[in-house]
Protein backbone atom coordinates (compact mmCIF):
# COMPACT_ATOMS: atom_id res chain seq x y z
CA MET A 1 4.04 38.93 69.56
CA ALA A 2 4.10 37.19 66.18
CA ILE A 3 1.81 38.49 63.47
CA LEU A 4 -0.40 35.65 62.23
CA PRO A 5 -1.36 35.42 58.56
CA ALA A 6 -4.92 36.21 57.59
CA PRO A 7 -7.27 33.22 58.15
CA SER A 8 -7.95 32.85 54.41
CA ILE A 9 -4.23 32.49 53.70
CA VAL A 10 -3.90 29.77 56.35
CA SER A 11 -7.09 27.91 55.47
CA ALA A 12 -6.51 27.72 51.72
CA PRO A 13 -3.39 25.47 51.77
CA VAL A 14 -4.78 23.40 54.65
CA GLU A 15 -8.01 22.86 52.74
CA LEU A 16 -6.05 21.93 49.62
CA ILE A 17 -4.05 19.33 51.58
CA ARG A 18 -7.23 17.97 53.14
CA ARG A 19 -8.96 17.61 49.80
CA ARG A 20 -5.96 15.91 48.18
CA LEU A 21 -5.62 13.48 51.07
CA GLY A 22 -9.34 12.76 50.98
CA ALA A 23 -9.20 12.16 47.23
CA THR A 24 -6.29 9.74 47.65
CA ILE A 25 -8.11 7.72 50.31
CA PHE A 26 -11.34 7.74 48.32
CA ALA A 27 -9.54 6.56 45.17
CA ARG A 28 -8.11 3.57 47.04
CA VAL A 29 -11.51 2.61 48.45
CA ALA A 30 -13.75 3.43 45.49
CA GLY A 31 -11.44 3.19 42.46
CA ASP A 32 -10.91 5.49 39.50
CA GLU A 33 -14.64 5.61 38.80
CA GLY A 34 -15.46 6.39 42.42
CA PRO A 35 -16.56 10.01 41.85
CA GLN A 36 -18.95 8.96 39.08
CA ARG A 37 -20.35 6.14 41.19
CA ARG A 38 -20.78 8.46 44.16
CA GLU A 39 -22.69 10.95 42.03
CA ARG A 40 -24.90 8.18 40.66
CA ILE A 41 -25.58 6.65 44.08
CA HIS A 42 -26.21 9.86 46.00
CA GLY A 43 -27.67 11.93 43.18
CA ALA A 44 -30.18 9.51 41.69
CA ASP A 45 -33.88 10.28 42.05
CA GLY A 46 -36.21 7.78 43.64
CA PRO A 47 -37.32 6.37 47.01
CA ARG A 48 -34.54 5.18 49.30
CA PRO A 49 -34.68 2.38 51.87
CA PHE A 50 -32.89 4.48 54.50
CA ASP A 51 -32.82 8.11 55.60
CA ALA A 52 -29.80 10.24 56.49
CA ASP A 53 -30.55 9.99 60.22
CA ASP A 54 -30.94 6.18 60.22
CA PRO A 55 -28.33 4.23 62.22
CA ILE A 56 -27.14 2.33 59.14
CA GLN A 57 -26.18 5.54 57.32
CA ARG A 58 -24.54 6.93 60.43
CA VAL A 59 -22.34 3.87 60.86
CA HIS A 60 -21.51 3.28 57.20
CA SER A 61 -20.54 6.90 56.55
CA ASP A 62 -18.11 6.99 59.48
CA ALA A 63 -14.33 6.56 59.27
CA SER A 64 -14.56 3.68 61.75
CA MET A 65 -15.65 1.53 58.79
CA PHE A 66 -11.99 1.31 57.76
CA VAL A 67 -11.31 -0.55 61.00
CA GLY A 68 -14.56 -2.51 60.88
CA GLY A 69 -14.02 -3.64 57.31
CA MET A 70 -10.59 -5.10 58.02
CA ARG A 71 -11.84 -6.74 61.20
CA ALA A 72 -14.74 -8.30 59.29
CA LEU A 73 -12.41 -9.87 56.72
CA LEU A 74 -10.24 -11.38 59.45
CA LEU A 75 -13.23 -12.72 61.35
CA GLN A 76 -14.95 -14.11 58.24
CA SER A 77 -11.81 -16.05 57.29
CA LEU A 78 -12.25 -18.31 60.32
CA HIS A 79 -15.08 -20.26 58.69
CA PRO A 80 -13.30 -22.91 56.57
CA LEU A 81 -16.01 -23.09 53.89
CA ALA A 82 -16.36 -19.32 53.53
CA MET A 83 -12.57 -18.99 53.43
CA ALA A 84 -12.26 -21.73 50.81
CA ALA A 85 -14.67 -19.85 48.56
CA VAL A 86 -12.65 -16.65 48.95
CA ASP A 87 -9.31 -18.39 48.52
CA GLN A 88 -10.33 -20.29 45.39
CA HIS A 89 -12.52 -17.71 43.64
CA SER A 90 -12.03 -14.11 44.78
CA GLY A 91 -8.49 -13.46 43.47
CA TYR A 92 -7.88 -11.19 46.45
CA ARG A 93 -4.11 -11.61 46.23
CA GLY A 94 -3.95 -10.51 42.61
CA ASP A 95 -6.46 -7.67 42.92
CA PRO A 96 -7.11 -6.81 46.60
CA TRP A 97 -7.99 -3.19 45.87
CA GLY A 98 -10.47 -4.23 43.20
CA ARG A 99 -12.20 -6.51 45.69
CA LEU A 100 -12.30 -3.71 48.26
CA GLN A 101 -13.71 -1.29 45.70
CA ARG A 102 -16.45 -3.71 44.64
CA THR A 103 -17.38 -4.33 48.26
CA SER A 104 -17.45 -0.62 49.15
CA THR A 105 -19.60 0.12 46.10
CA PHE A 106 -22.07 -2.59 47.11
CA LEU A 107 -22.27 -1.21 50.66
CA ALA A 108 -22.80 2.31 49.32
CA GLU A 109 -25.53 1.22 46.91
CA THR A 110 -27.44 -0.76 49.53
CA THR A 111 -27.02 1.89 52.25
CA PHE A 112 -27.29 5.24 50.49
CA GLY A 113 -28.73 4.42 47.07
CA THR A 114 -32.28 4.29 45.82
CA ALA A 115 -34.35 1.15 46.28
CA ALA A 116 -33.87 0.40 42.58
CA ASP A 117 -30.07 0.73 42.86
CA ALA A 118 -30.00 -1.50 45.94
CA GLU A 119 -32.11 -4.17 44.26
CA ARG A 120 -29.89 -4.10 41.18
CA ALA A 121 -26.74 -4.44 43.31
CA VAL A 122 -28.23 -7.43 45.13
CA ARG A 123 -29.21 -9.11 41.84
CA ILE A 124 -25.65 -8.76 40.54
CA VAL A 125 -24.11 -10.25 43.69
CA ARG A 126 -26.61 -13.11 43.74
CA ALA A 127 -25.75 -13.91 40.14
CA VAL A 128 -22.04 -13.97 40.99
CA HIS A 129 -22.65 -16.16 44.05
CA SER A 130 -24.62 -18.67 41.97
CA ARG A 131 -21.45 -19.47 40.00
CA ILE A 132 -19.16 -19.93 43.01
CA THR A 133 -19.01 -23.56 44.12
CA GLY A 134 -16.22 -25.92 44.98
CA THR A 135 -14.65 -28.24 47.51
CA ALA A 136 -12.77 -27.11 50.60
CA PRO A 137 -9.39 -28.70 51.47
CA ASP A 138 -11.16 -30.86 54.08
CA GLY A 139 -13.34 -32.40 51.33
CA ARG A 140 -16.57 -30.61 52.13
CA PRO A 141 -18.46 -28.95 49.27
CA TYR A 142 -19.37 -25.28 49.48
CA ALA A 143 -21.53 -22.81 47.58
CA ALA A 144 -21.41 -19.05 47.94
CA ASN A 145 -25.20 -18.84 47.86
CA ASP A 146 -25.53 -21.24 50.82
CA PRO A 147 -27.92 -19.41 53.20
CA TRP A 148 -25.92 -20.58 56.23
CA LEU A 149 -22.59 -19.27 54.87
CA LEU A 150 -24.26 -16.01 53.89
CA ARG A 151 -25.51 -15.78 57.46
CA TRP A 152 -21.95 -16.19 58.79
CA VAL A 153 -20.53 -13.52 56.48
CA HIS A 154 -23.33 -11.17 57.55
CA VAL A 155 -22.96 -11.86 61.28
CA ALA A 156 -19.20 -11.22 61.10
CA GLU A 157 -19.83 -7.94 59.26
CA VAL A 158 -22.47 -6.61 61.63
CA ASP A 159 -20.42 -7.51 64.69
CA SER A 160 -17.31 -5.91 63.21
CA PHE A 161 -18.95 -2.71 61.98
CA LEU A 162 -20.75 -2.22 65.29
CA THR A 163 -17.65 -2.99 67.38
CA ALA A 164 -15.46 -0.57 65.40
CA HIS A 165 -18.10 2.15 65.53
CA ASP A 166 -18.51 1.70 69.28
CA ARG A 167 -14.80 2.27 69.78
CA PHE A 168 -13.89 4.78 67.07
CA GLY A 169 -17.13 6.23 65.71
CA SER A 170 -17.79 9.95 66.01
CA ARG A 171 -21.20 9.31 67.59
CA PRO A 172 -21.66 5.70 68.73
CA LEU A 173 -25.10 4.14 68.68
CA VAL A 174 -26.97 3.88 71.97
CA GLY A 175 -30.11 2.19 73.22
CA GLU A 176 -32.61 1.13 70.59
CA GLU A 177 -30.40 2.53 67.82
CA ARG A 178 -28.22 -0.56 68.12
CA ASP A 179 -31.08 -2.96 67.45
CA VAL A 180 -32.28 -0.77 64.59
CA TYR A 181 -28.83 -0.94 63.01
CA VAL A 182 -28.71 -4.74 63.26
CA GLU A 183 -32.18 -4.99 61.71
CA GLN A 184 -31.44 -2.50 58.93
CA LEU A 185 -28.23 -4.18 57.79
CA GLY A 186 -30.01 -7.51 58.03
CA ARG A 187 -32.36 -6.52 55.21
CA THR A 188 -29.53 -6.73 52.70
CA ALA A 189 -28.46 -10.12 54.04
CA LEU A 190 -32.01 -11.43 53.64
CA ALA A 191 -32.16 -10.08 50.09
CA LEU A 192 -28.91 -11.93 49.31
CA GLY A 193 -30.44 -15.17 50.58
CA ALA A 194 -29.10 -15.48 54.13
CA SER A 195 -31.14 -17.49 56.60
CA ASP A 196 -32.17 -16.73 60.19
CA VAL A 197 -30.71 -13.23 60.13
CA PRO A 198 -30.47 -11.54 63.57
CA THR A 199 -32.63 -8.47 64.08
CA THR A 200 -31.41 -7.37 67.52
CA GLU A 201 -28.04 -7.10 69.23
CA VAL A 202 -28.97 -9.97 71.57
CA GLU A 203 -29.72 -12.17 68.57
CA LEU A 204 -26.46 -11.07 66.97
CA ARG A 205 -24.43 -12.18 70.01
CA ALA A 206 -26.31 -15.50 70.06
CA ALA A 207 -25.64 -16.08 66.36
CA LEU A 208 -21.93 -15.36 66.79
CA ALA A 209 -21.75 -17.86 69.65
CA GLU A 210 -23.64 -20.41 67.56
CA PHE A 211 -21.02 -20.28 64.81
CA ARG A 212 -17.99 -20.62 67.08
CA PRO A 213 -17.85 -24.46 67.00
CA GLU A 214 -17.61 -24.26 63.18
CA LEU A 215 -14.67 -21.84 63.12
CA GLU A 216 -11.16 -23.19 62.53
CA SER A 217 -7.56 -22.27 61.92
CA THR A 218 -6.82 -23.11 58.28
CA ALA A 219 -3.78 -22.48 56.12
CA ALA A 220 -5.90 -20.29 53.84
CA ALA A 221 -7.12 -18.15 56.74
CA ARG A 222 -3.64 -17.72 58.19
CA GLY A 223 -2.25 -16.89 54.77
CA ALA A 224 -4.96 -14.31 54.17
CA ALA A 225 -4.23 -12.68 57.54
CA ARG A 226 -0.49 -12.50 56.78
CA PHE A 227 -1.18 -11.02 53.36
CA MET A 228 -3.64 -8.48 54.69
CA LEU A 229 -1.66 -7.41 57.75
CA LEU A 230 1.99 -7.86 56.77
CA ASN A 231 2.31 -7.92 52.98
CA PRO A 232 -0.36 -5.68 51.46
CA PRO A 233 0.37 -4.19 48.01
CA ILE A 234 0.49 -0.57 49.09
CA PRO A 235 2.94 2.29 48.41
CA LEU A 236 5.76 2.85 50.89
CA ALA A 237 4.25 6.19 51.96
CA MET A 238 1.09 4.41 53.13
CA ARG A 239 2.85 1.71 55.16
CA ALA A 240 2.84 3.55 58.49
CA PRO A 241 -0.86 4.53 58.54
CA TYR A 242 -1.78 1.11 57.17
CA GLY A 243 0.18 -0.47 60.01
CA VAL A 244 -1.81 1.56 62.51
CA LEU A 245 -5.05 0.49 60.81
CA SER A 246 -4.01 -3.17 60.91
CA ALA A 247 -3.02 -3.07 64.58
CA THR A 248 -6.25 -1.25 65.43
CA ALA A 249 -8.40 -3.80 63.61
CA VAL A 250 -6.64 -6.70 65.31
CA SER A 251 -7.05 -5.04 68.71
CA THR A 252 -10.85 -5.12 68.32
CA LEU A 253 -10.95 -8.90 67.76
CA PRO A 254 -11.77 -11.15 70.72
CA ARG A 255 -9.00 -13.46 71.92
CA TRP A 256 -10.81 -16.56 70.63
CA ALA A 257 -10.66 -15.14 67.09
CA ARG A 258 -6.95 -14.26 67.27
CA ARG A 259 -5.55 -17.62 68.33
CA PRO A 260 -6.54 -19.48 65.14
CA LEU A 261 -5.03 -16.70 63.03
CA ARG A 262 -1.89 -16.57 65.22
CA LEU A 263 -2.39 -12.91 65.99
CA PRO A 264 -0.87 -11.42 69.16
CA TYR A 265 -2.76 -10.34 72.25
CA LEU A 266 -1.12 -7.40 74.05
CA PRO A 267 -3.78 -5.99 76.39
CA LEU A 268 -1.77 -3.15 77.91
CA THR A 269 -0.36 -1.92 74.59
CA GLU A 270 -3.72 -2.27 72.89
CA ALA A 271 -5.55 -0.38 75.62
CA THR A 272 -3.15 2.53 75.43
CA THR A 273 -0.91 2.99 72.38
CA VAL A 274 -2.96 1.10 69.80
CA ARG A 275 -6.29 2.55 70.88
CA ALA A 276 -4.92 6.10 70.91
CA SER A 277 -3.26 5.63 67.52
CA GLY A 278 -6.46 4.19 66.10
CA ALA A 279 -8.45 7.16 67.36
CA VAL A 280 -5.96 9.57 65.77
CA LEU A 281 -6.06 7.70 62.46
CA THR A 282 -9.86 7.52 62.22
CA THR A 283 -10.12 11.18 63.19
CA ALA A 284 -7.64 12.08 60.46
CA ILE A 285 -9.56 10.04 57.87
CA ARG A 286 -12.82 11.64 58.97
CA TRP A 287 -11.24 15.09 58.61
CA ALA A 288 -9.78 14.31 55.20
CA MET A 289 -12.98 12.92 53.74
CA ARG A 290 -15.51 15.42 55.03
CA PRO A 291 -17.20 17.67 52.43
CA PRO A 292 -15.37 21.01 51.96
CA ALA A 293 -16.79 24.13 53.60
CA PRO A 294 -17.95 26.75 51.09
CA THR A 295 -15.66 29.43 52.54
CA SER A 296 -12.65 27.12 52.27
CA VAL A 297 -13.43 26.32 48.67
CA ASP A 298 -13.72 30.01 47.88
CA ALA A 299 -10.39 30.70 49.57
CA THR A 300 -8.72 27.88 47.67
CA ALA A 301 -10.11 29.11 44.38
CA THR A 302 -8.67 32.56 44.93
């Protein structure tokens, strides 16, 4: 029988690997100033809109958000006016990680921060939106603070976050929790100026169906999908896990959303290989980004 090393000897290097991997992922999502922002958001004193056991915190702190976030971007791109605003103003091709980091910070501030932090974050975004106007390739004018476009962006986000969490979340929402989540995330959309925001899952499904006649396949949307899925500016070492993430996000889209973006539909592969790979990836991210156990930290320090 082999003699196993003492648990502390085994756990120390594993914990070190976990913490380094978690730091790498966090740096990509939150940026170089991520640790300082996290301390400010979670450590600030003051009343908070949501508690730790609220559905919105449960969903937004889960690794399934990596899948949900990518799905949301793909789905949002199908509205030609929303996509025109992104294509002409966001600079996502030149600084995709910066855009991701700004979005993740906003979500963190409005989900986990104090009421004052959330209000400040909303004011900043509203000010940015007020300066984003233009004309889409089809000749229609758009404005980022248009309540209807804000509603579309919100509906696509809620549907995507909830869908990804249902499939890959550590503890999916059930029963009334689902309506509570829709209502809680809707508060931020209302604060940003969105109109007719759904407050239940039934209303969410109805809103999504209501937008479908407005959704189109545009060159900008197809280009954004190709950039995001096939040509992202990431290191070679991250290509394989990113490929799994991309395939997983696409697999959660309905068929009607894939056709305009020219994305494949492979039901058997998606139900087996892709789903299993997505579960492994989100589990690995969840493991890497969880807070360290005190005993592991002690072992690493020694």
